[in-house]
C-alpha cells in the first residue's frame, strides 16, 4: 500500500527517482510502471498489475458516449509503460510533464494502490482546498469517520 506525500525533484532530462522504499512494490518484474494523466491535472503512477483492471474497465465503457470517450482518451490515451533505469529513475514523457505542468519540484502522493504525481504549485492548491473543506462539505461516508 502506498501512502504519504514526498517532495522530489525531476532532473534536467525529466527523470524521477522513485524512493527506494517504494520501488519493489511499485515496479513489475521487468522494472515497469504505468504513468498516465488524471482529470484533476496530476499524473498517476501505477504498478502494472494494479493498472490493468482499471484500463480494462475504462476500455469497456461505450465509445459512442461522449463522456466515456473523453475519459478513454485521457486515461488510456496518455498511458505510458515506463521502465526504471538501474538507479531507480523513471523518465516521464514530455507530453505527460506538460499535461501536469511538472517542473523541477514535484510531489509523490500515495493513494493506496498507486501514486499521484503533482507539480508543486498544483499540490499547494490541493492543500489549500483540503484545509478549506468545511465539516458540512464532507463527501458521503466521511462524516462518520473517526480520526
C-alpha atoms as a PDB file:
ATOM      1  CA  UNK A   1       0.000   0.000   0.000  1.00  0.00           C
ATOM      2  CA  UNK A   2       1.321   3.409  -0.992  1.00  0.00           C
ATOM      3  CA  UNK A   3       0.796   6.264   1.428  1.00  0.00           C
ATOM      4  CA  UNK A   4       2.422   9.510   2.423  1.00  0.00           C
ATOM      5  CA  UNK A   5       3.497  12.603   0.491  1.00  0.00           C
ATOM      6  CA  UNK A   6       7.113  13.105  -0.539  1.00  0.00           C
ATOM      7  CA  UNK A   7       8.669  16.063  -2.287  1.00  0.00           C
ATOM      8  CA  UNK A   8      11.089  15.073  -5.041  1.00  0.00           C
ATOM      9  CA  UNK A   9      12.978  16.749  -7.858  1.00  0.00           C
ATOM     10  CA  UNK A  10      12.926  15.928 -11.549  1.00  0.00           C
ATOM     11  CA  UNK A  11      16.344  16.023 -13.149  1.00  0.00           C
ATOM     12  CA  UNK A  12      17.141  18.082 -16.254  1.00  0.00           C
ATOM     13  CA  UNK A  13      16.026  15.222 -18.530  1.00  0.00           C
ATOM     14  CA  UNK A  14      12.649  14.798 -16.818  1.00  0.00           C
ATOM     15  CA  UNK A  15      13.563  11.716 -14.804  1.00  0.00           C
ATOM     16  CA  UNK A  16      12.017  10.985 -11.435  1.00  0.00           C
ATOM     17  CA  UNK A  17      13.905   8.931  -8.855  1.00  0.00           C
ATOM     18  CA  UNK A  18      11.402   6.583  -7.237  1.00  0.00           C
ATOM     19  CA  UNK A  19      12.157   6.387  -3.490  1.00  0.00           C
ATOM     20  CA  UNK A  20      13.867   3.089  -2.662  1.00  0.00           C
ATOM     21  CA  UNK A  21      11.216   2.180  -0.073  1.00  0.00           C
ATOM     22  CA  UNK A  22       8.552   2.064  -2.818  1.00  0.00           C
ATOM     23  CA  UNK A  23      10.458   0.543  -5.747  1.00  0.00           C
ATOM     24  CA  UNK A  24       9.876  -3.152  -5.108  1.00  0.00           C
ATOM     25  CA  UNK A  25       6.146  -2.739  -4.538  1.00  0.00           C
ATOM     26  CA  UNK A  26       5.686  -0.300  -7.418  1.00  0.00           C
ATOM     27  CA  UNK A  27       7.547  -1.942 -10.272  1.00  0.00           C
ATOM     28  CA  UNK A  28       6.868  -5.220 -12.030  1.00  0.00           C
ATOM     29  CA  UNK A  29       9.494  -7.931 -12.539  1.00  0.00           C
ATOM     30  CA  UNK A  30      10.834  -6.002 -15.542  1.00  0.00           C
ATOM     31  CA  UNK A  31      11.043  -2.743 -13.574  1.00  0.00           C
ATOM     32  CA  UNK A  32       7.993  -1.209 -15.246  1.00  0.00           C
ATOM     33  CA  UNK A  33       5.388   1.284 -14.090  1.00  0.00           C
ATOM     34  CA  UNK A  34       2.423   2.828 -15.867  1.00  0.00           C
ATOM     35  CA  UNK A  35       2.169   6.625 -15.891  1.00  0.00           C
ATOM     36  CA  UNK A  36      -0.955   8.383 -17.136  1.00  0.00           C
ATOM     37  CA  UNK A  37      -2.889  11.636 -16.846  1.00  0.00           C
ATOM     38  CA  UNK A  38      -5.634  12.327 -14.307  1.00  0.00           C
ATOM     39  CA  UNK A  39      -8.567  14.709 -14.895  1.00  0.00           C
ATOM     40  CA  UNK A  40      -7.523  16.788 -11.863  1.00  0.00           C
ATOM     41  CA  UNK A  41      -4.228  17.783 -13.526  1.00  0.00           C
ATOM     42  CA  UNK A  42      -1.795  15.393 -11.902  1.00  0.00           C
ATOM     43  CA  UNK A  43      -0.218  12.159 -13.135  1.00  0.00           C
ATOM     44  CA  UNK A  44      -0.986   8.682 -11.871  1.00  0.00           C
ATOM     45  CA  UNK A  45       1.800   6.149 -11.320  1.00  0.00           C
ATOM     46  CA  UNK A  46       0.628   2.538 -11.134  1.00  0.00           C
ATOM     47  CA  UNK A  47       2.214  -0.880 -10.815  1.00  0.00           C
ATOM     48  CA  UNK A  48       1.185  -2.755 -13.983  1.00  0.00           C
ATOM     49  CA  UNK A  49      -0.907  -5.298 -12.049  1.00  0.00           C
ATOM     50  CA  UNK A  50      -2.987  -2.531 -10.426  1.00  0.00           C
ATOM     51  CA  UNK A  51      -3.384  -0.556 -13.677  1.00  0.00           C
ATOM     52  CA  UNK A  52      -4.564  -3.406 -15.925  1.00  0.00           C
ATOM     53  CA  UNK A  53      -8.040  -3.910 -14.354  1.00  0.00           C
ATOM     54  CA  UNK A  54      -8.619  -0.154 -14.363  1.00  0.00           C
ATOM     55  CA  UNK A  55      -7.562   0.120 -18.002  1.00  0.00           C
ATOM     56  CA  UNK A  56      -9.849  -2.784 -18.915  1.00  0.00           C
ATOM     57  CA  UNK A  57     -12.780  -1.181 -17.098  1.00  0.00           C
ATOM     58  CA  UNK A  58     -12.201   2.145 -18.863  1.00  0.00           C
ATOM     59  CA  UNK A  59     -11.915   0.450 -22.258  1.00  0.00           C
ATOM     60  CA  UNK A  60     -15.157  -1.469 -21.661  1.00  0.00           C
ATOM     61  CA  UNK A  61     -17.137   1.782 -21.464  1.00  0.00           C
ATOM     62  CA  UNK A  62     -19.191   2.663 -24.566  1.00  0.00           C
ATOM     63  CA  UNK A  63     -17.109   4.516 -27.158  1.00  0.00           C
ATOM     64  CA  UNK A  64     -20.056   6.439 -28.561  1.00  0.00           C
ATOM     65  CA  UNK A  65     -20.823   8.051 -25.213  1.00  0.00           C
ATOM     66  CA  UNK A  66     -19.032  11.412 -25.312  1.00  0.00           C
ATOM     67  CA  UNK A  67     -18.032  11.417 -21.618  1.00  0.00           C
ATOM     68  CA  UNK A  68     -16.712   7.851 -21.800  1.00  0.00           C
ATOM     69  CA  UNK A  69     -14.753   8.644 -24.942  1.00  0.00           C
ATOM     70  CA  UNK A  70     -13.191  11.700 -23.289  1.00  0.00           C
ATOM     71  CA  UNK A  71     -12.084   9.687 -20.277  1.00  0.00           C
ATOM     72  CA  UNK A  72     -10.696   6.922 -22.512  1.00  0.00           C
ATOM     73  CA  UNK A  73      -8.669   9.466 -24.451  1.00  0.00           C
ATOM     74  CA  UNK A  74      -7.292  10.900 -21.240  1.00  0.00           C
ATOM     75  CA  UNK A  75      -6.637   7.824 -19.118  1.00  0.00           C
ATOM     76  CA  UNK A  76      -5.666   5.300 -21.782  1.00  0.00           C
ATOM     77  CA  UNK A  77      -4.508   7.719 -24.449  1.00  0.00           C
ATOM     78  CA  UNK A  78      -1.892   9.256 -22.170  1.00  0.00           C
ATOM     79  CA  UNK A  79      -0.852   5.957 -20.529  1.00  0.00           C
ATOM     80  CA  UNK A  80       2.839   5.163 -20.922  1.00  0.00           C
ATOM     81  CA  UNK A  81       4.690   1.973 -19.988  1.00  0.00           C
ATOM     82  CA  UNK A  82       7.937   3.185 -18.468  1.00  0.00           C
ATOM     83  CA  UNK A  83      10.946   1.220 -17.271  1.00  0.00           C
ATOM     84  CA  UNK A  84      13.061   2.259 -14.322  1.00  0.00           C
ATOM     85  CA  UNK A  85      16.766   2.581 -15.035  1.00  0.00           C
ATOM     86  CA  UNK A  86      19.473   0.906 -12.942  1.00  0.00           C
ATOM     87  CA  UNK A  87      19.360   3.703 -10.359  1.00  0.00           C
ATOM     88  CA  UNK A  88      15.558   3.600  -9.901  1.00  0.00           C
ATOM     89  CA  UNK A  89      14.687   6.592 -12.082  1.00  0.00           C
ATOM     90  CA  UNK A  90      11.772   6.736 -14.494  1.00  0.00           C
ATOM     91  CA  UNK A  91      11.765   9.061 -17.494  1.00  0.00           C
ATOM     92  CA  UNK A  92       8.479  10.962 -17.682  1.00  0.00           C
ATOM     93  CA  UNK A  93       7.358  11.597 -21.259  1.00  0.00           C
ATOM     94  CA  UNK A  94       7.381  15.275 -22.286  1.00  0.00           C
ATOM     95  CA  UNK A  95       3.646  15.116 -23.062  1.00  0.00           C
ATOM     96  CA  UNK A  96       2.891  13.931 -19.534  1.00  0.00           C
ATOM     97  CA  UNK A  97       5.189  16.515 -17.945  1.00  0.00           C
ATOM     98  CA  UNK A  98       3.456  19.241 -19.976  1.00  0.00           C
ATOM     99  CA  UNK A  99      -0.020  17.944 -19.109  1.00  0.00           C
ATOM    100  CA  UNK A 100       0.693  18.098 -15.364  1.00  0.00           C
ATOM    101  CA  UNK A 101       2.862  21.257 -15.586  1.00  0.00           C
ATOM    102  CA  UNK A 102       5.715  19.414 -13.903  1.00  0.00           C
ATOM    103  CA  UNK A 103       8.863  21.386 -13.391  1.00  0.00           C
ATOM    104  CA  UNK A 104      11.717  20.658 -11.020  1.00  0.00           C
ATOM    105  CA  UNK A 105       9.938  20.151  -7.680  1.00  0.00           C
ATOM    106  CA  UNK A 106       7.128  17.581  -7.601  1.00  0.00           C
ATOM    107  CA  UNK A 107       5.096  15.726  -5.001  1.00  0.00           C
ATOM    108  CA  UNK A 108       4.647  11.941  -4.977  1.00  0.00           C
ATOM    109  CA  UNK A 109       1.447  11.271  -3.031  1.00  0.00           C
ATOM    110  CA  UNK A 110       0.408   7.750  -2.028  1.00  0.00           C
ATOM    111  CA  UNK A 111      -3.154   6.719  -2.803  1.00  0.00           C
ATOM    112  CA  UNK A 112      -3.194   3.100  -1.678  1.00  0.00           C
ATOM    113  CA  UNK A 113      -2.826   1.171  -4.944  1.00  0.00           C
ATOM    114  CA  UNK A 114      -0.909   3.899  -6.782  1.00  0.00           C
ATOM    115  CA  UNK A 115       0.705   7.321  -6.540  1.00  0.00           C
ATOM    116  CA  UNK A 116      -0.365  10.735  -7.731  1.00  0.00           C
ATOM    117  CA  UNK A 117       2.426  12.948  -9.054  1.00  0.00           C
ATOM    118  CA  UNK A 118       1.757  16.678  -8.624  1.00  0.00           C
ATOM    119  CA  UNK A 119       3.525  19.836  -9.695  1.00  0.00           C
ATOM    120  CA  UNK A 120       4.495  21.775  -6.569  1.00  0.00           C
ATOM    121  CA  UNK A 121       2.170  24.716  -7.313  1.00  0.00           C
ATOM    122  CA  UNK A 122      -0.808  22.443  -8.004  1.00  0.00           C
ATOM    123  CA  UNK A 123      -0.119  20.425  -4.848  1.00  0.00           C
ATOM    124  CA  UNK A 124      -0.108  23.627  -2.800  1.00  0.00           C
ATOM    125  CA  UNK A 125      -3.533  24.464  -4.294  1.00  0.00           C
ATOM    126  CA  UNK A 126      -4.761  20.991  -3.297  1.00  0.00           C
ATOM    127  CA  UNK A 127      -3.500  21.581   0.241  1.00  0.00           C
ATOM    128  CA  UNK A 128      -5.399  24.874   0.446  1.00  0.00           C
ATOM    129  CA  UNK A 129      -8.584  23.206  -0.834  1.00  0.00           C
ATOM    130  CA  UNK A 130      -8.219  20.449   1.775  1.00  0.00           C
ATOM    131  CA  UNK A 131      -7.863  22.984   4.581  1.00  0.00           C
ATOM    132  CA  UNK A 132     -10.848  24.985   3.339  1.00  0.00           C
ATOM    133  CA  UNK A 133     -13.123  21.933   3.344  1.00  0.00           C
ATOM    134  CA  UNK A 134     -15.806  22.628   5.941  1.00  0.00           C
ATOM    135  CA  UNK A 135     -17.310  19.870   8.059  1.00  0.00           C
ATOM    136  CA  UNK A 136     -20.629  20.188   6.217  1.00  0.00           C
ATOM    137  CA  UNK A 137     -18.863  19.830   2.843  1.00  0.00           C
ATOM    138  CA  UNK A 138     -17.522  16.333   3.514  1.00  0.00           C
ATOM    139  CA  UNK A 139     -18.267  13.703   0.881  1.00  0.00           C
ATOM    140  CA  UNK A 140     -20.621  10.832   1.735  1.00  0.00           C
ATOM    141  CA  UNK A 141     -19.093   8.369   4.187  1.00  0.00           C
ATOM    142  CA  UNK A 142     -16.545  10.790   5.620  1.00  0.00           C
ATOM    143  CA  UNK A 143     -18.942  12.420   8.070  1.00  0.00           C
ATOM    144  CA  UNK A 144     -18.785   9.373  10.367  1.00  0.00           C
ATOM    145  CA  UNK A 145     -15.009   8.893  10.093  1.00  0.00           C
ATOM    146  CA  UNK A 146     -13.320   8.839  13.497  1.00  0.00           C
ATOM    147  CA  UNK A 147      -9.725  10.063  13.460  1.00  0.00           C
END
